[in-house]
Amino acid sequence: MGGQFKEQGGAATMDPSSSRRWVTSKFMTYLSDPQRLAKKRHKKERARSKSGARHVIEYFHRVDDGYSHLAAQTLQFCLLYTSPSPRDPVSS
């Protein structure tokens, strides 16, 4: 099976060294640590709340995706109950 794939080297290497695997594992464990993420979210939420900013939903729509269509219907329903957009108060 190894003959099917060409070794690309760099970050895409098929057989990284044990030290590289260890460093990558530690780094990814750090990035995905639930406690670190919770602290980061709490800090961002505290800063948002202190500044008086409102929550913002950023939505990216794909026309050919059925779930995007359902999400757009749900968001349209939600927007009926919100005040003008803090990003674009003129058009809201």
N, C-alpha and C. Protein backbone atom coordinates (compact mmCIF):
# COMPACT_ATOMS: atom_id res chain seq x y z
N MET A 1 0.82 -1.20 0.00
CA MET A 1 0.00 0.00 0.00
C MET A 1 0.86 1.26 0.00
N GLY A 2 2.05 1.18 0.56
CA GLY A 2 2.93 2.33 0.60
C GLY A 2 3.38 2.78 -0.77
N GLY A 3 3.37 1.87 -1.75
CA GLY A 3 3.79 2.22 -3.09
C GLY A 3 2.78 3.08 -3.83
N GLN A 4 1.54 3.14 -3.36
CA GLN A 4 0.49 3.90 -4.02
C GLN A 4 0.67 5.40 -3.83
N PHE A 5 1.28 5.80 -2.75
CA PHE A 5 1.36 7.21 -2.40
C PHE A 5 2.78 7.74 -2.53
N LYS A 6 2.89 8.95 -2.98
CA LYS A 6 4.19 9.59 -3.13
C LYS A 6 4.48 10.41 -1.88
N GLU A 7 5.66 10.27 -1.34
CA GLU A 7 6.08 11.03 -0.17
C GLU A 7 6.19 12.50 -0.55
N GLN A 8 5.43 13.36 0.16
CA GLN A 8 5.42 14.79 -0.16
C GLN A 8 6.39 15.59 0.68
N GLY A 9 6.76 15.07 1.81
CA GLY A 9 7.69 15.77 2.69
C GLY A 9 7.01 16.92 3.43
N GLY A 10 7.77 17.64 4.20
CA GLY A 10 7.22 18.78 4.95
C GLY A 10 6.17 18.35 5.95
N ALA A 11 5.13 19.14 6.09
CA ALA A 11 4.07 18.87 7.05
C ALA A 11 3.23 17.66 6.63
N ALA A 12 3.29 17.31 5.36
CA ALA A 12 2.47 16.22 4.85
C ALA A 12 3.21 14.89 4.82
N THR A 13 4.30 14.78 5.55
CA THR A 13 5.08 13.54 5.51
C THR A 13 4.26 12.37 6.02
N MET A 14 4.45 11.20 5.39
CA MET A 14 3.68 10.01 5.76
C MET A 14 4.22 9.36 7.02
N ASP A 15 5.49 9.56 7.32
CA ASP A 15 6.10 8.90 8.47
C ASP A 15 6.97 9.90 9.24
N PRO A 16 6.32 10.78 10.04
CA PRO A 16 7.11 11.77 10.78
C PRO A 16 7.94 11.09 11.88
N SER A 17 8.98 11.76 12.30
CA SER A 17 9.84 11.22 13.36
C SER A 17 9.07 11.17 14.67
N SER A 18 9.56 10.37 15.60
CA SER A 18 8.87 10.25 16.89
C SER A 18 8.86 11.57 17.64
N SER A 19 9.93 12.35 17.53
CA SER A 19 9.94 13.65 18.22
C SER A 19 8.91 14.60 17.60
N ARG A 20 8.79 14.56 16.29
CA ARG A 20 7.78 15.41 15.63
C ARG A 20 6.35 15.00 16.02
N ARG A 21 6.11 13.69 16.10
CA ARG A 21 4.80 13.20 16.53
C ARG A 21 4.51 13.63 17.96
N TRP A 22 5.53 13.58 18.83
CA TRP A 22 5.35 13.97 20.22
C TRP A 22 5.03 15.46 20.33
N VAL A 23 5.79 16.29 19.63
CA VAL A 23 5.56 17.74 19.67
C VAL A 23 4.18 18.07 19.11
N THR A 24 3.81 17.45 18.00
CA THR A 24 2.50 17.68 17.40
C THR A 24 1.39 17.26 18.36
N SER A 25 1.56 16.13 19.01
CA SER A 25 0.56 15.65 19.97
C SER A 25 0.39 16.62 21.13
N LYS A 26 1.51 17.08 21.69
CA LYS A 26 1.44 18.03 22.82
C LYS A 26 0.79 19.34 22.39
N PHE A 27 1.14 19.82 21.21
CA PHE A 27 0.59 21.08 20.71
C PHE A 27 -0.92 20.97 20.48
N MET A 28 -1.35 19.89 19.85
CA MET A 28 -2.78 19.70 19.59
C MET A 28 -3.56 19.48 20.89
N THR A 29 -2.95 18.80 21.85
CA THR A 29 -3.59 18.62 23.15
C THR A 29 -3.77 19.98 23.83
N TYR A 30 -2.76 20.83 23.74
CA TYR A 30 -2.85 22.18 24.31
C TYR A 30 -3.96 22.98 23.62
N LEU A 31 -3.98 22.95 22.28
CA LEU A 31 -4.97 23.73 21.54
C LEU A 31 -6.41 23.30 21.83
N SER A 32 -6.61 22.01 22.05
CA SER A 32 -7.97 21.51 22.23
C SER A 32 -8.35 21.27 23.69
N ASP A 33 -7.54 21.75 24.62
CA ASP A 33 -7.82 21.56 26.04
C ASP A 33 -9.12 22.27 26.42
N PRO A 34 -10.11 21.53 26.93
CA PRO A 34 -11.41 22.15 27.27
C PRO A 34 -11.30 23.28 28.30
N GLN A 35 -10.43 23.14 29.28
CA GLN A 35 -10.29 24.19 30.29
C GLN A 35 -9.70 25.46 29.68
N ARG A 36 -8.70 25.31 28.80
CA ARG A 36 -8.11 26.47 28.15
C ARG A 36 -9.14 27.17 27.26
N LEU A 37 -9.91 26.39 26.53
CA LEU A 37 -10.94 26.97 25.66
C LEU A 37 -12.02 27.68 26.47
N ALA A 38 -12.42 27.08 27.59
CA ALA A 38 -13.44 27.71 28.44
C ALA A 38 -12.94 29.05 28.99
N LYS A 39 -11.68 29.09 29.43
CA LYS A 39 -11.10 30.34 29.93
C LYS A 39 -11.06 31.40 28.84
N LYS A 40 -10.65 30.98 27.64
CA LYS A 40 -10.56 31.90 26.52
C LYS A 40 -11.94 32.46 26.16
N ARG A 41 -12.95 31.58 26.11
CA ARG A 41 -14.32 32.04 25.82
C ARG A 41 -14.84 32.98 26.89
N HIS A 42 -14.55 32.64 28.16
CA HIS A 42 -15.00 33.49 29.27
C HIS A 42 -14.36 34.88 29.18
N LYS A 43 -13.07 34.91 28.85
CA LYS A 43 -12.36 36.19 28.73
C LYS A 43 -12.95 37.03 27.59
N LYS A 44 -13.20 36.40 26.44
CA LYS A 44 -13.78 37.11 25.30
C LYS A 44 -15.20 37.60 25.63
N GLU A 45 -15.98 36.77 26.29
CA GLU A 45 -17.36 37.16 26.64
C GLU A 45 -17.35 38.31 27.63
N ARG A 46 -16.44 38.27 28.59
CA ARG A 46 -16.34 39.36 29.56
C ARG A 46 -15.97 40.67 28.87
N ALA A 47 -15.04 40.61 27.92
CA ALA A 47 -14.64 41.81 27.17
C ALA A 47 -15.80 42.32 26.32
N ARG A 48 -16.53 41.42 25.66
CA ARG A 48 -17.68 41.82 24.85
C ARG A 48 -18.75 42.47 25.71
N SER A 49 -19.03 41.86 26.84
CA SER A 49 -20.05 42.39 27.75
C SER A 49 -19.64 43.75 28.31
N LYS A 50 -18.37 43.88 28.67
CA LYS A 50 -17.87 45.14 29.23
C LYS A 50 -17.95 46.27 28.21
N SER A 51 -17.71 45.95 26.94
CA SER A 51 -17.74 46.98 25.90
C SER A 51 -19.17 47.34 25.48
N GLY A 52 -20.14 46.54 25.93
CA GLY A 52 -21.53 46.83 25.58
C GLY A 52 -21.93 46.30 24.21
N ALA A 53 -21.05 45.55 23.58
CA ALA A 53 -21.36 44.99 22.25
C ALA A 53 -22.38 43.87 22.37
N ARG A 54 -23.13 43.68 21.30
CA ARG A 54 -24.11 42.60 21.28
C ARG A 54 -23.49 41.34 20.70
N HIS A 55 -24.18 40.24 20.91
CA HIS A 55 -23.74 38.99 20.28
C HIS A 55 -23.93 39.10 18.77
N VAL A 56 -23.04 38.48 18.01
CA VAL A 56 -23.10 38.53 16.55
C VAL A 56 -23.08 37.11 16.02
N ILE A 57 -23.99 36.83 15.09
CA ILE A 57 -23.99 35.55 14.39
C ILE A 57 -23.46 35.81 12.99
N GLU A 58 -22.39 35.12 12.63
CA GLU A 58 -21.86 35.22 11.28
C GLU A 58 -22.29 33.96 10.54
N TYR A 59 -22.94 34.13 9.42
CA TYR A 59 -23.54 33.02 8.69
C TYR A 59 -23.04 33.03 7.25
N PHE A 60 -22.58 31.89 6.78
CA PHE A 60 -22.11 31.74 5.41
C PHE A 60 -23.03 30.74 4.72
N HIS A 61 -23.69 31.17 3.68
CA HIS A 61 -24.71 30.36 3.01
C HIS A 61 -24.16 29.69 1.76
N ARG A 62 -24.48 28.40 1.62
CA ARG A 62 -24.16 27.67 0.39
C ARG A 62 -25.47 27.33 -0.29
N VAL A 63 -25.66 27.80 -1.49
CA VAL A 63 -26.92 27.65 -2.21
C VAL A 63 -27.25 26.19 -2.47
N ASP A 64 -26.26 25.36 -2.73
CA ASP A 64 -26.50 23.96 -3.08
C ASP A 64 -26.61 23.04 -1.87
N ASP A 65 -26.65 23.58 -0.66
CA ASP A 65 -26.70 22.77 0.55
C ASP A 65 -28.06 22.90 1.22
N GLY A 66 -28.75 21.77 1.39
CA GLY A 66 -30.07 21.78 2.01
C GLY A 66 -30.04 22.27 3.45
N TYR A 67 -28.97 21.95 4.19
CA TYR A 67 -28.87 22.41 5.56
C TYR A 67 -28.71 23.93 5.64
N SER A 68 -28.05 24.51 4.65
CA SER A 68 -27.94 25.96 4.60
C SER A 68 -29.32 26.59 4.42
N HIS A 69 -30.15 25.96 3.61
CA HIS A 69 -31.51 26.46 3.41
C HIS A 69 -32.29 26.42 4.72
N LEU A 70 -32.19 25.31 5.45
CA LEU A 70 -32.87 25.20 6.75
C LEU A 70 -32.33 26.22 7.75
N ALA A 71 -31.01 26.40 7.75
CA ALA A 71 -30.42 27.38 8.67
C ALA A 71 -30.89 28.79 8.34
N ALA A 72 -31.00 29.12 7.05
CA ALA A 72 -31.46 30.45 6.64
C ALA A 72 -32.89 30.69 7.10
N GLN A 73 -33.73 29.67 7.01
CA GLN A 73 -35.12 29.81 7.48
C GLN A 73 -35.15 30.04 8.99
N THR A 74 -34.32 29.31 9.73
CA THR A 74 -34.27 29.48 11.18
C THR A 74 -33.74 30.85 11.55
N LEU A 75 -32.68 31.28 10.88
CA LEU A 75 -32.12 32.59 11.18
C LEU A 75 -33.08 33.71 10.83
N GLN A 76 -33.82 33.55 9.74
CA GLN A 76 -34.81 34.57 9.38
C GLN A 76 -35.85 34.69 10.48
N PHE A 77 -36.28 33.57 11.04
CA PHE A 77 -37.24 33.57 12.13
C PHE A 77 -36.65 34.25 13.36
N CYS A 78 -35.37 33.97 13.65
CA CYS A 78 -34.70 34.58 14.81
C CYS A 78 -34.55 36.08 14.64
N LEU A 79 -34.27 36.53 13.42
CA LEU A 79 -34.05 37.95 13.18
C LEU A 79 -35.31 38.78 13.36
N LEU A 80 -36.47 38.14 13.31
CA LEU A 80 -37.70 38.88 13.55
C LEU A 80 -37.78 39.39 14.98
N TYR A 81 -37.04 38.76 15.88
CA TYR A 81 -37.11 39.09 17.30
C TYR A 81 -35.87 39.81 17.80
N THR A 82 -35.06 40.34 16.90
CA THR A 82 -33.86 41.06 17.33
C THR A 82 -33.95 42.51 16.92
N SER A 83 -33.16 43.31 17.57
CA SER A 83 -33.11 44.73 17.24
C SER A 83 -32.12 44.94 16.08
N PRO A 84 -31.96 46.16 15.61
CA PRO A 84 -31.07 46.42 14.47
C PRO A 84 -29.66 45.90 14.70
N SER A 85 -29.03 45.55 13.59
CA SER A 85 -27.68 45.01 13.62
C SER A 85 -26.70 46.07 14.11
N PRO A 86 -25.82 45.70 15.05
CA PRO A 86 -24.81 46.67 15.50
C PRO A 86 -23.77 46.97 14.42
N ARG A 87 -23.65 46.08 13.42
CA ARG A 87 -22.66 46.28 12.35
C ARG A 87 -23.20 47.17 11.25
N ASP A 88 -24.52 47.14 11.03
CA ASP A 88 -25.11 47.91 9.94
C ASP A 88 -26.47 48.48 10.39
N PRO A 89 -26.46 49.47 11.26
CA PRO A 89 -27.73 49.98 11.79
C PRO A 89 -28.59 50.68 10.74
N VAL A 90 -28.02 51.08 9.62
CA VAL A 90 -28.78 51.81 8.59
C VAL A 90 -29.75 50.88 7.88
N SER A 91 -29.28 49.68 7.49
CA SER A 91 -30.11 48.77 6.72
C SER A 91 -30.96 47.86 7.57
N SER A 92 -30.77 47.82 8.87
CA SER A 92 -31.53 46.90 9.73
C SER A 92 -32.85 47.52 10.17
